[in-house]
Amino acid sequence: MARTTHRSKSGKKLYAKRSKKGRFTDIQSYQRAHGSDIKRSSAAERARKKTAKKKTSRKKSAKKK
């Protein structure tokens, strides 16, 4: 689904979700849609995080005298 941005009468930014046929399926406020996007991560982002954790290793701290 593609998203396009619009403005409401009051001036708030809106996201309009369109189907493959180009019809509107859902209209949400940009603030709500963006917030839900931030809360969820994609499968690619999760995989990248996992590989980054494996690559990093702990540094040994020097012994204090």
PDB file of N, CA and C in Angstrom:
ATOM      1  N   MET A   1       0.821  -1.184   0.000  1.00  0.00           N
ATOM      2  CA  MET A   1       0.000   0.000   0.000  1.00  0.00           C
ATOM      3  C   MET A   1       0.863   1.245   0.000  1.00  0.00           C
ATOM      4  N   ALA A   2       0.476   2.212  -0.778  1.00  0.00           N
ATOM      5  CA  ALA A   2       1.202   3.477  -0.828  1.00  0.00           C
ATOM      6  C   ALA A   2       0.505   4.489   0.074  1.00  0.00           C
ATOM      7  N   ARG A   3       1.284   5.414   0.579  1.00  0.00           N
ATOM      8  CA  ARG A   3       0.719   6.478   1.405  1.00  0.00           C
ATOM      9  C   ARG A   3       0.959   7.813   0.728  1.00  0.00           C
ATOM     10  N   THR A   4      -0.028   8.669   0.813  1.00  0.00           N
ATOM     11  CA  THR A   4       0.143  10.033   0.335  1.00  0.00           C
ATOM     12  C   THR A   4      -0.237  10.972   1.459  1.00  0.00           C
ATOM     13  N   THR A   5       0.343  12.164   1.478  1.00  0.00           N
ATOM     14  CA  THR A   5       0.053  13.108   2.547  1.00  0.00           C
ATOM     15  C   THR A   5      -0.921  14.164   2.056  1.00  0.00           C
ATOM     16  N   HIS A   6      -1.768  14.590   2.953  1.00  0.00           N
ATOM     17  CA  HIS A   6      -2.758  15.633   2.699  1.00  0.00           C
ATOM     18  C   HIS A   6      -2.828  16.514   3.939  1.00  0.00           C
ATOM     19  N   ARG A   7      -3.616  17.550   3.868  1.00  0.00           N
ATOM     20  CA  ARG A   7      -3.857  18.419   5.020  1.00  0.00           C
ATOM     21  C   ARG A   7      -5.353  18.441   5.310  1.00  0.00           C
ATOM     22  N   SER A   8      -5.693  18.460   6.605  1.00  0.00           N
ATOM     23  CA  SER A   8      -7.091  18.562   7.004  1.00  0.00           C
ATOM     24  C   SER A   8      -7.519  20.025   6.966  1.00  0.00           C
ATOM     25  N   LYS A   9      -8.794  20.291   7.237  1.00  0.00           N
ATOM     26  CA  LYS A   9      -9.291  21.672   7.258  1.00  0.00           C
ATOM     27  C   LYS A   9      -8.555  22.505   8.291  1.00  0.00           C
ATOM     28  N   SER A  10      -8.241  21.880   9.425  1.00  0.00           N
ATOM     29  CA  SER A  10      -7.567  22.613  10.499  1.00  0.00           C
ATOM     30  C   SER A  10      -6.066  22.754  10.253  1.00  0.00           C
ATOM     31  N   GLY A  11      -5.552  22.077   9.221  1.00  0.00           N
ATOM     32  CA  GLY A  11      -4.146  22.217   8.868  1.00  0.00           C
ATOM     33  C   GLY A  11      -3.254  21.084   9.332  1.00  0.00           C
ATOM     34  N   LYS A  12      -3.851  20.059   9.991  1.00  0.00           N
ATOM     35  CA  LYS A  12      -3.040  18.918  10.442  1.00  0.00           C
ATOM     36  C   LYS A  12      -2.664  18.049   9.253  1.00  0.00           C
ATOM     37  N   LYS A  13      -1.479  17.477   9.328  1.00  0.00           N
ATOM     38  CA  LYS A  13      -0.992  16.625   8.249  1.00  0.00           C
ATOM     39  C   LYS A  13      -1.666  15.254   8.355  1.00  0.00           C
ATOM     40  N   LEU A  14      -2.092  14.703   7.228  1.00  0.00           N
ATOM     41  CA  LEU A  14      -2.777  13.410   7.196  1.00  0.00           C
ATOM     42  C   LEU A  14      -2.044  12.456   6.263  1.00  0.00           C
ATOM     43  N   TYR A  15      -2.146  11.175   6.583  1.00  0.00           N
ATOM     44  CA  TYR A  15      -1.679  10.108   5.706  1.00  0.00           C
ATOM     45  C   TYR A  15      -2.905   9.450   5.117  1.00  0.00           C
ATOM     46  N   ALA A  16      -2.929   9.257   3.826  1.00  0.00           N
ATOM     47  CA  ALA A  16      -4.005   8.529   3.179  1.00  0.00           C
ATOM     48  C   ALA A  16      -3.417   7.257   2.589  1.00  0.00           C
ATOM     49  N   LYS A  17      -3.898   6.112   3.055  1.00  0.00           N
ATOM     50  CA  LYS A  17      -3.450   4.833   2.516  1.00  0.00           C
ATOM     51  C   LYS A  17      -4.305   4.504   1.306  1.00  0.00           C
ATOM     52  N   ARG A  18      -3.651   4.084   0.238  1.00  0.00           N
ATOM     53  CA  ARG A  18      -4.361   3.733  -0.979  1.00  0.00           C
ATOM     54  C   ARG A  18      -4.180   2.249  -1.288  1.00  0.00           C
ATOM     55  N   SER A  19      -5.195   1.662  -1.886  1.00  0.00           N
ATOM     56  CA  SER A  19      -5.098   0.272  -2.323  1.00  0.00           C
ATOM     57  C   SER A  19      -4.354   0.237  -3.651  1.00  0.00           C
ATOM     58  N   LYS A  20      -4.135  -0.962  -4.174  1.00  0.00           N
ATOM     59  CA  LYS A  20      -3.452  -1.098  -5.462  1.00  0.00           C
ATOM     60  C   LYS A  20      -4.262  -0.457  -6.594  1.00  0.00           C
ATOM     61  N   LYS A  21      -5.567  -0.404  -6.417  1.00  0.00           N
ATOM     62  CA  LYS A  21      -6.425   0.204  -7.429  1.00  0.00           C
ATOM     63  C   LYS A  21      -6.422   1.738  -7.339  1.00  0.00           C
ATOM     64  N   GLY A  22      -5.822   2.277  -6.268  1.00  0.00           N
ATOM     65  CA  GLY A  22      -5.742   3.725  -6.120  1.00  0.00           C
ATOM     66  C   GLY A  22      -6.838   4.317  -5.264  1.00  0.00           C
ATOM     67  N   ARG A  23      -7.681   3.469  -4.686  1.00  0.00           N
ATOM     68  CA  ARG A  23      -8.767   3.959  -3.829  1.00  0.00           C
ATOM     69  C   ARG A  23      -8.267   4.135  -2.404  1.00  0.00           C
ATOM     70  N   PHE A  24      -8.848   5.089  -1.702  1.00  0.00           N
ATOM     71  CA  PHE A  24      -8.480   5.306  -0.304  1.00  0.00           C
ATOM     72  C   PHE A  24      -9.013   4.161   0.542  1.00  0.00           C
ATOM     73  N   THR A  25      -8.153   3.570   1.359  1.00  0.00           N
ATOM     74  CA  THR A  25      -8.596   2.515   2.269  1.00  0.00           C
ATOM     75  C   THR A  25      -8.646   3.030   3.705  1.00  0.00           C
ATOM     76  N   ASP A  26      -7.784   3.990   4.037  1.00  0.00           N
ATOM     77  CA  ASP A  26      -7.728   4.500   5.396  1.00  0.00           C
ATOM     78  C   ASP A  26      -7.088   5.883   5.389  1.00  0.00           C
ATOM     79  N   ILE A  27      -7.596   6.767   6.221  1.00  0.00           N
ATOM     80  CA  ILE A  27      -6.975   8.081   6.389  1.00  0.00           C
ATOM     81  C   ILE A  27      -6.675   8.255   7.875  1.00  0.00           C
ATOM     82  N   GLN A  28      -5.399   8.514   8.192  1.00  0.00           N
ATOM     83  CA  GLN A  28      -4.966   8.669   9.581  1.00  0.00           C
ATOM     84  C   GLN A  28      -4.230   9.984   9.730  1.00  0.00           C
ATOM     85  N   SER A  29      -4.170  10.470  10.969  1.00  0.00           N
ATOM     86  CA  SER A  29      -3.354  11.657  11.195  1.00  0.00           C
ATOM     87  C   SER A  29      -1.890  11.240  11.092  1.00  0.00           C
ATOM     88  N   TYR A  30      -1.078  12.123  10.584  1.00  0.00           N
ATOM     89  CA  TYR A  30       0.350  11.847  10.404  1.00  0.00           C
ATOM     90  C   TYR A  30       0.989  11.506  11.747  1.00  0.00           C
ATOM     91  N   GLN A  31       0.573  12.215  12.789  1.00  0.00           N
ATOM     92  CA  GLN A  31       1.146  12.015  14.122  1.00  0.00           C
ATOM     93  C   GLN A  31       0.921  10.584  14.614  1.00  0.00           C
ATOM     94  N   ARG A  32      -0.293  10.076  14.470  1.00  0.00           N
ATOM     95  CA  ARG A  32      -0.598   8.701  14.906  1.00  0.00           C
ATOM     96  C   ARG A  32       0.112   7.669  14.048  1.00  0.00           C
ATOM     97  N   ALA A  33       0.093   7.867  12.745  1.00  0.00           N
ATOM     98  CA  ALA A  33       0.712   6.909  11.831  1.00  0.00           C
ATOM     99  C   ALA A  33       2.221   6.852  12.049  1.00  0.00           C
ATOM    100  N   HIS A  34       2.836   8.002  12.195  1.00  0.00           N
ATOM    101  CA  HIS A  34       4.281   8.052  12.402  1.00  0.00           C
ATOM    102  C   HIS A  34       4.654   7.413  13.739  1.00  0.00           C
ATOM    103  N   GLY A  35       3.851   7.661  14.770  1.00  0.00           N
ATOM    104  CA  GLY A  35       4.107   7.070  16.089  1.00  0.00           C
ATOM    105  C   GLY A  35       4.050   5.557  16.058  1.00  0.00           C
ATOM    106  N   SER A  36       3.084   5.006  15.334  1.00  0.00           N
ATOM    107  CA  SER A  36       2.980   3.546  15.252  1.00  0.00           C
ATOM    108  C   SER A  36       4.116   2.974  14.412  1.00  0.00           C
ATOM    109  N   ASP A  37       4.593   3.718  13.416  1.00  0.00           N
ATOM    110  CA  ASP A  37       5.736   3.258  12.613  1.00  0.00           C
ATOM    111  C   ASP A  37       6.997   3.188  13.463  1.00  0.00           C
ATOM    112  N   ILE A  38       7.168   4.151  14.335  1.00  0.00           N
ATOM    113  CA  ILE A  38       8.357   4.205  15.181  1.00  0.00           C
ATOM    114  C   ILE A  38       8.347   3.053  16.193  1.00  0.00           C
ATOM    115  N   LYS A  39       7.179   2.708  16.707  1.00  0.00           N
ATOM    116  CA  LYS A  39       7.069   1.650  17.725  1.00  0.00           C
ATOM    117  C   LYS A  39       7.391   0.267  17.164  1.00  0.00           C
ATOM    118  N   ARG A  40       7.105   0.069  15.893  1.00  0.00           N
ATOM    119  CA  ARG A  40       7.320  -1.246  15.278  1.00  0.00           C
ATOM    120  C   ARG A  40       8.571  -1.212  14.402  1.00  0.00           C
ATOM    121  N   SER A  41       9.298  -2.324  14.397  1.00  0.00           N
ATOM    122  CA  SER A  41      10.476  -2.412  13.536  1.00  0.00           C
ATOM    123  C   SER A  41      10.246  -3.491  12.484  1.00  0.00           C
ATOM    124  N   SER A  42      10.838  -3.307  11.341  1.00  0.00           N
ATOM    125  CA  SER A  42      10.669  -4.264  10.252  1.00  0.00           C
ATOM    126  C   SER A  42      11.550  -5.487  10.487  1.00  0.00           C
ATOM    127  N   ALA A  43      11.317  -6.533   9.738  1.00  0.00           N
ATOM    128  CA  ALA A  43      12.110  -7.760   9.865  1.00  0.00           C
ATOM    129  C   ALA A  43      13.571  -7.478   9.502  1.00  0.00           C
ATOM    130  N   ALA A  44      13.792  -6.615   8.517  1.00  0.00           N
ATOM    131  CA  ALA A  44      15.159  -6.281   8.110  1.00  0.00           C
ATOM    132  C   ALA A  44      15.893  -5.541   9.218  1.00  0.00           C
ATOM    133  N   GLU A  45      15.194  -4.636   9.906  1.00  0.00           N
ATOM    134  CA  GLU A  45      15.813  -3.900  11.012  1.00  0.00           C
ATOM    135  C   GLU A  45      16.173  -4.837  12.160  1.00  0.00           C
ATOM    136  N   ARG A  46      15.284  -5.775  12.456  1.00  0.00           N
ATOM    137  CA  ARG A  46      15.555  -6.737  13.542  1.00  0.00           C
ATOM    138  C   ARG A  46      16.741  -7.624  13.203  1.00  0.00           C
ATOM    139  N   ALA A  47      16.830  -8.070  11.950  1.00  0.00           N
ATOM    140  CA  ALA A  47      17.946  -8.917  11.525  1.00  0.00           C
ATOM    141  C   ALA A  47      19.261  -8.159  11.608  1.00  0.00           C
ATOM    142  N   ARG A  48      19.237  -6.895  11.222  1.00  0.00           N
ATOM    143  CA  ARG A  48      20.445  -6.077  11.268  1.00  0.00           C
ATOM    144  C   ARG A  48      20.900  -5.869  12.715  1.00  0.00           C
ATOM    145  N   LYS A  49      19.939  -5.676  13.625  1.00  0.00           N
ATOM    146  CA  LYS A  49      20.281  -5.514  15.045  1.00  0.00           C
ATOM    147  C   LYS A  49      20.926  -6.782  15.594  1.00  0.00           C
ATOM    148  N   LYS A  50      20.375  -7.923  15.206  1.00  0.00           N
ATOM    149  CA  LYS A  50      20.872  -9.210  15.691  1.00  0.00           C
ATOM    150  C   LYS A  50      22.316  -9.440  15.266  1.00  0.00           C
ATOM    151  N   THR A  51      22.615  -9.152  13.998  1.00  0.00           N
ATOM    152  CA  THR A  51      23.978  -9.357  13.505  1.00  0.00           C
ATOM    153  C   THR A  51      24.941  -8.351  14.125  1.00  0.00           C
ATOM    154  N   ALA A  52      24.456  -7.157  14.417  1.00  0.00           N
ATOM    155  CA  ALA A  52      25.314  -6.139  15.041  1.00  0.00           C
ATOM    156  C   ALA A  52      25.687  -6.562  16.456  1.00  0.00           C
ATOM    157  N   LYS A  53      24.755  -7.188  17.175  1.00  0.00           N
ATOM    158  CA  LYS A  53      25.039  -7.647  18.541  1.00  0.00           C
ATOM    159  C   LYS A  53      26.087  -8.752  18.541  1.00  0.00           C
ATOM    160  N   LYS A  54      26.020  -9.638  17.559  1.00  0.00           N
ATOM    161  CA  LYS A  54      26.971 -10.752  17.494  1.00  0.00           C
ATOM    162  C   LYS A  54      28.376 -10.256  17.186  1.00  0.00           C
ATOM    163  N   LYS A  55      28.482  -9.224  16.348  1.00  0.00           N
ATOM    164  CA  LYS A  55      29.787  -8.719  15.935  1.00  0.00           C
ATOM    165  C   LYS A  55      30.516  -8.000  17.062  1.00  0.00           C
ATOM    166  N   THR A  56      29.768  -7.318  17.911  1.00  0.00           N
ATOM    167  CA  THR A  56      30.425  -6.576  18.988  1.00  0.00           C
ATOM    168  C   THR A  56      30.825  -7.521  20.102  1.00  0.00           C
ATOM    169  N   SER A  57      32.021  -7.327  20.605  1.00  0.00           N
ATOM    170  CA  SER A  57      32.481  -8.149  21.721  1.00  0.00           C
ATOM    171  C   SER A  57      32.886  -7.234  22.857  1.00  0.00           C
ATOM    172  N   ARG A  58      32.883  -7.757  24.039  1.00  0.00           N
ATOM    173  CA  ARG A  58      33.241  -6.947  25.202  1.00  0.00           C
ATOM    174  C   ARG A  58      34.735  -6.744  25.269  1.00  0.00           C
ATOM    175  N   LYS A  59      35.108  -5.531  25.614  1.00  0.00           N
ATOM    176  CA  LYS A  59      36.524  -5.233  25.776  1.00  0.00           C
ATOM    177  C   LYS A  59      36.922  -5.590  27.201  1.00  0.00           C
ATOM    178  N   LYS A  60      38.087  -6.174  27.349  1.00  0.00           N
ATOM    179  CA  LYS A  60      38.577  -6.510  28.684  1.00  0.00           C
ATOM    180  C   LYS A  60      39.136  -5.263  29.330  1.00  0.00           C
ATOM    181  N   SER A  61      38.722  -5.017  30.545  1.00  0.00           N
ATOM    182  CA  SER A  61      39.207  -3.831  31.234  1.00  0.00           C
ATOM    183  C   SER A  61      40.558  -4.117  31.867  1.00  0.00           C
ATOM    184  N   ALA A  62      41.380  -3.108  31.928  1.00  0.00           N
ATOM    185  CA  ALA A  62      42.723  -3.265  32.514  1.00  0.00           C
ATOM    186  C   ALA A  62      42.585  -3.409  34.028  1.00  0.00           C
ATOM    187  N   LYS A  63      43.420  -4.240  34.599  1.00  0.00           N
ATOM    188  CA  LYS A  63      43.394  -4.441  36.047  1.00  0.00           C
ATOM    189  C   LYS A  63      44.026  -3.243  36.747  1.00  0.00           C
ATOM    190  N   LYS A  64      43.362  -2.815  37.800  1.00  0.00           N
ATOM    191  CA  LYS A  64      43.872  -1.685  38.587  1.00  0.00           C
ATOM    192  C   LYS A  64      44.804  -2.209  39.673  1.00  0.00           C
ATOM    193  N   LYS A  65      45.851  -1.469  39.923  1.00  0.00           N
ATOM    194  CA  LYS A  65      46.814  -1.869  40.967  1.00  0.00           C
ATOM    195  C   LYS A  65      46.530  -1.189  42.266  1.00  0.00           C
TER     196      LYS A  65
END
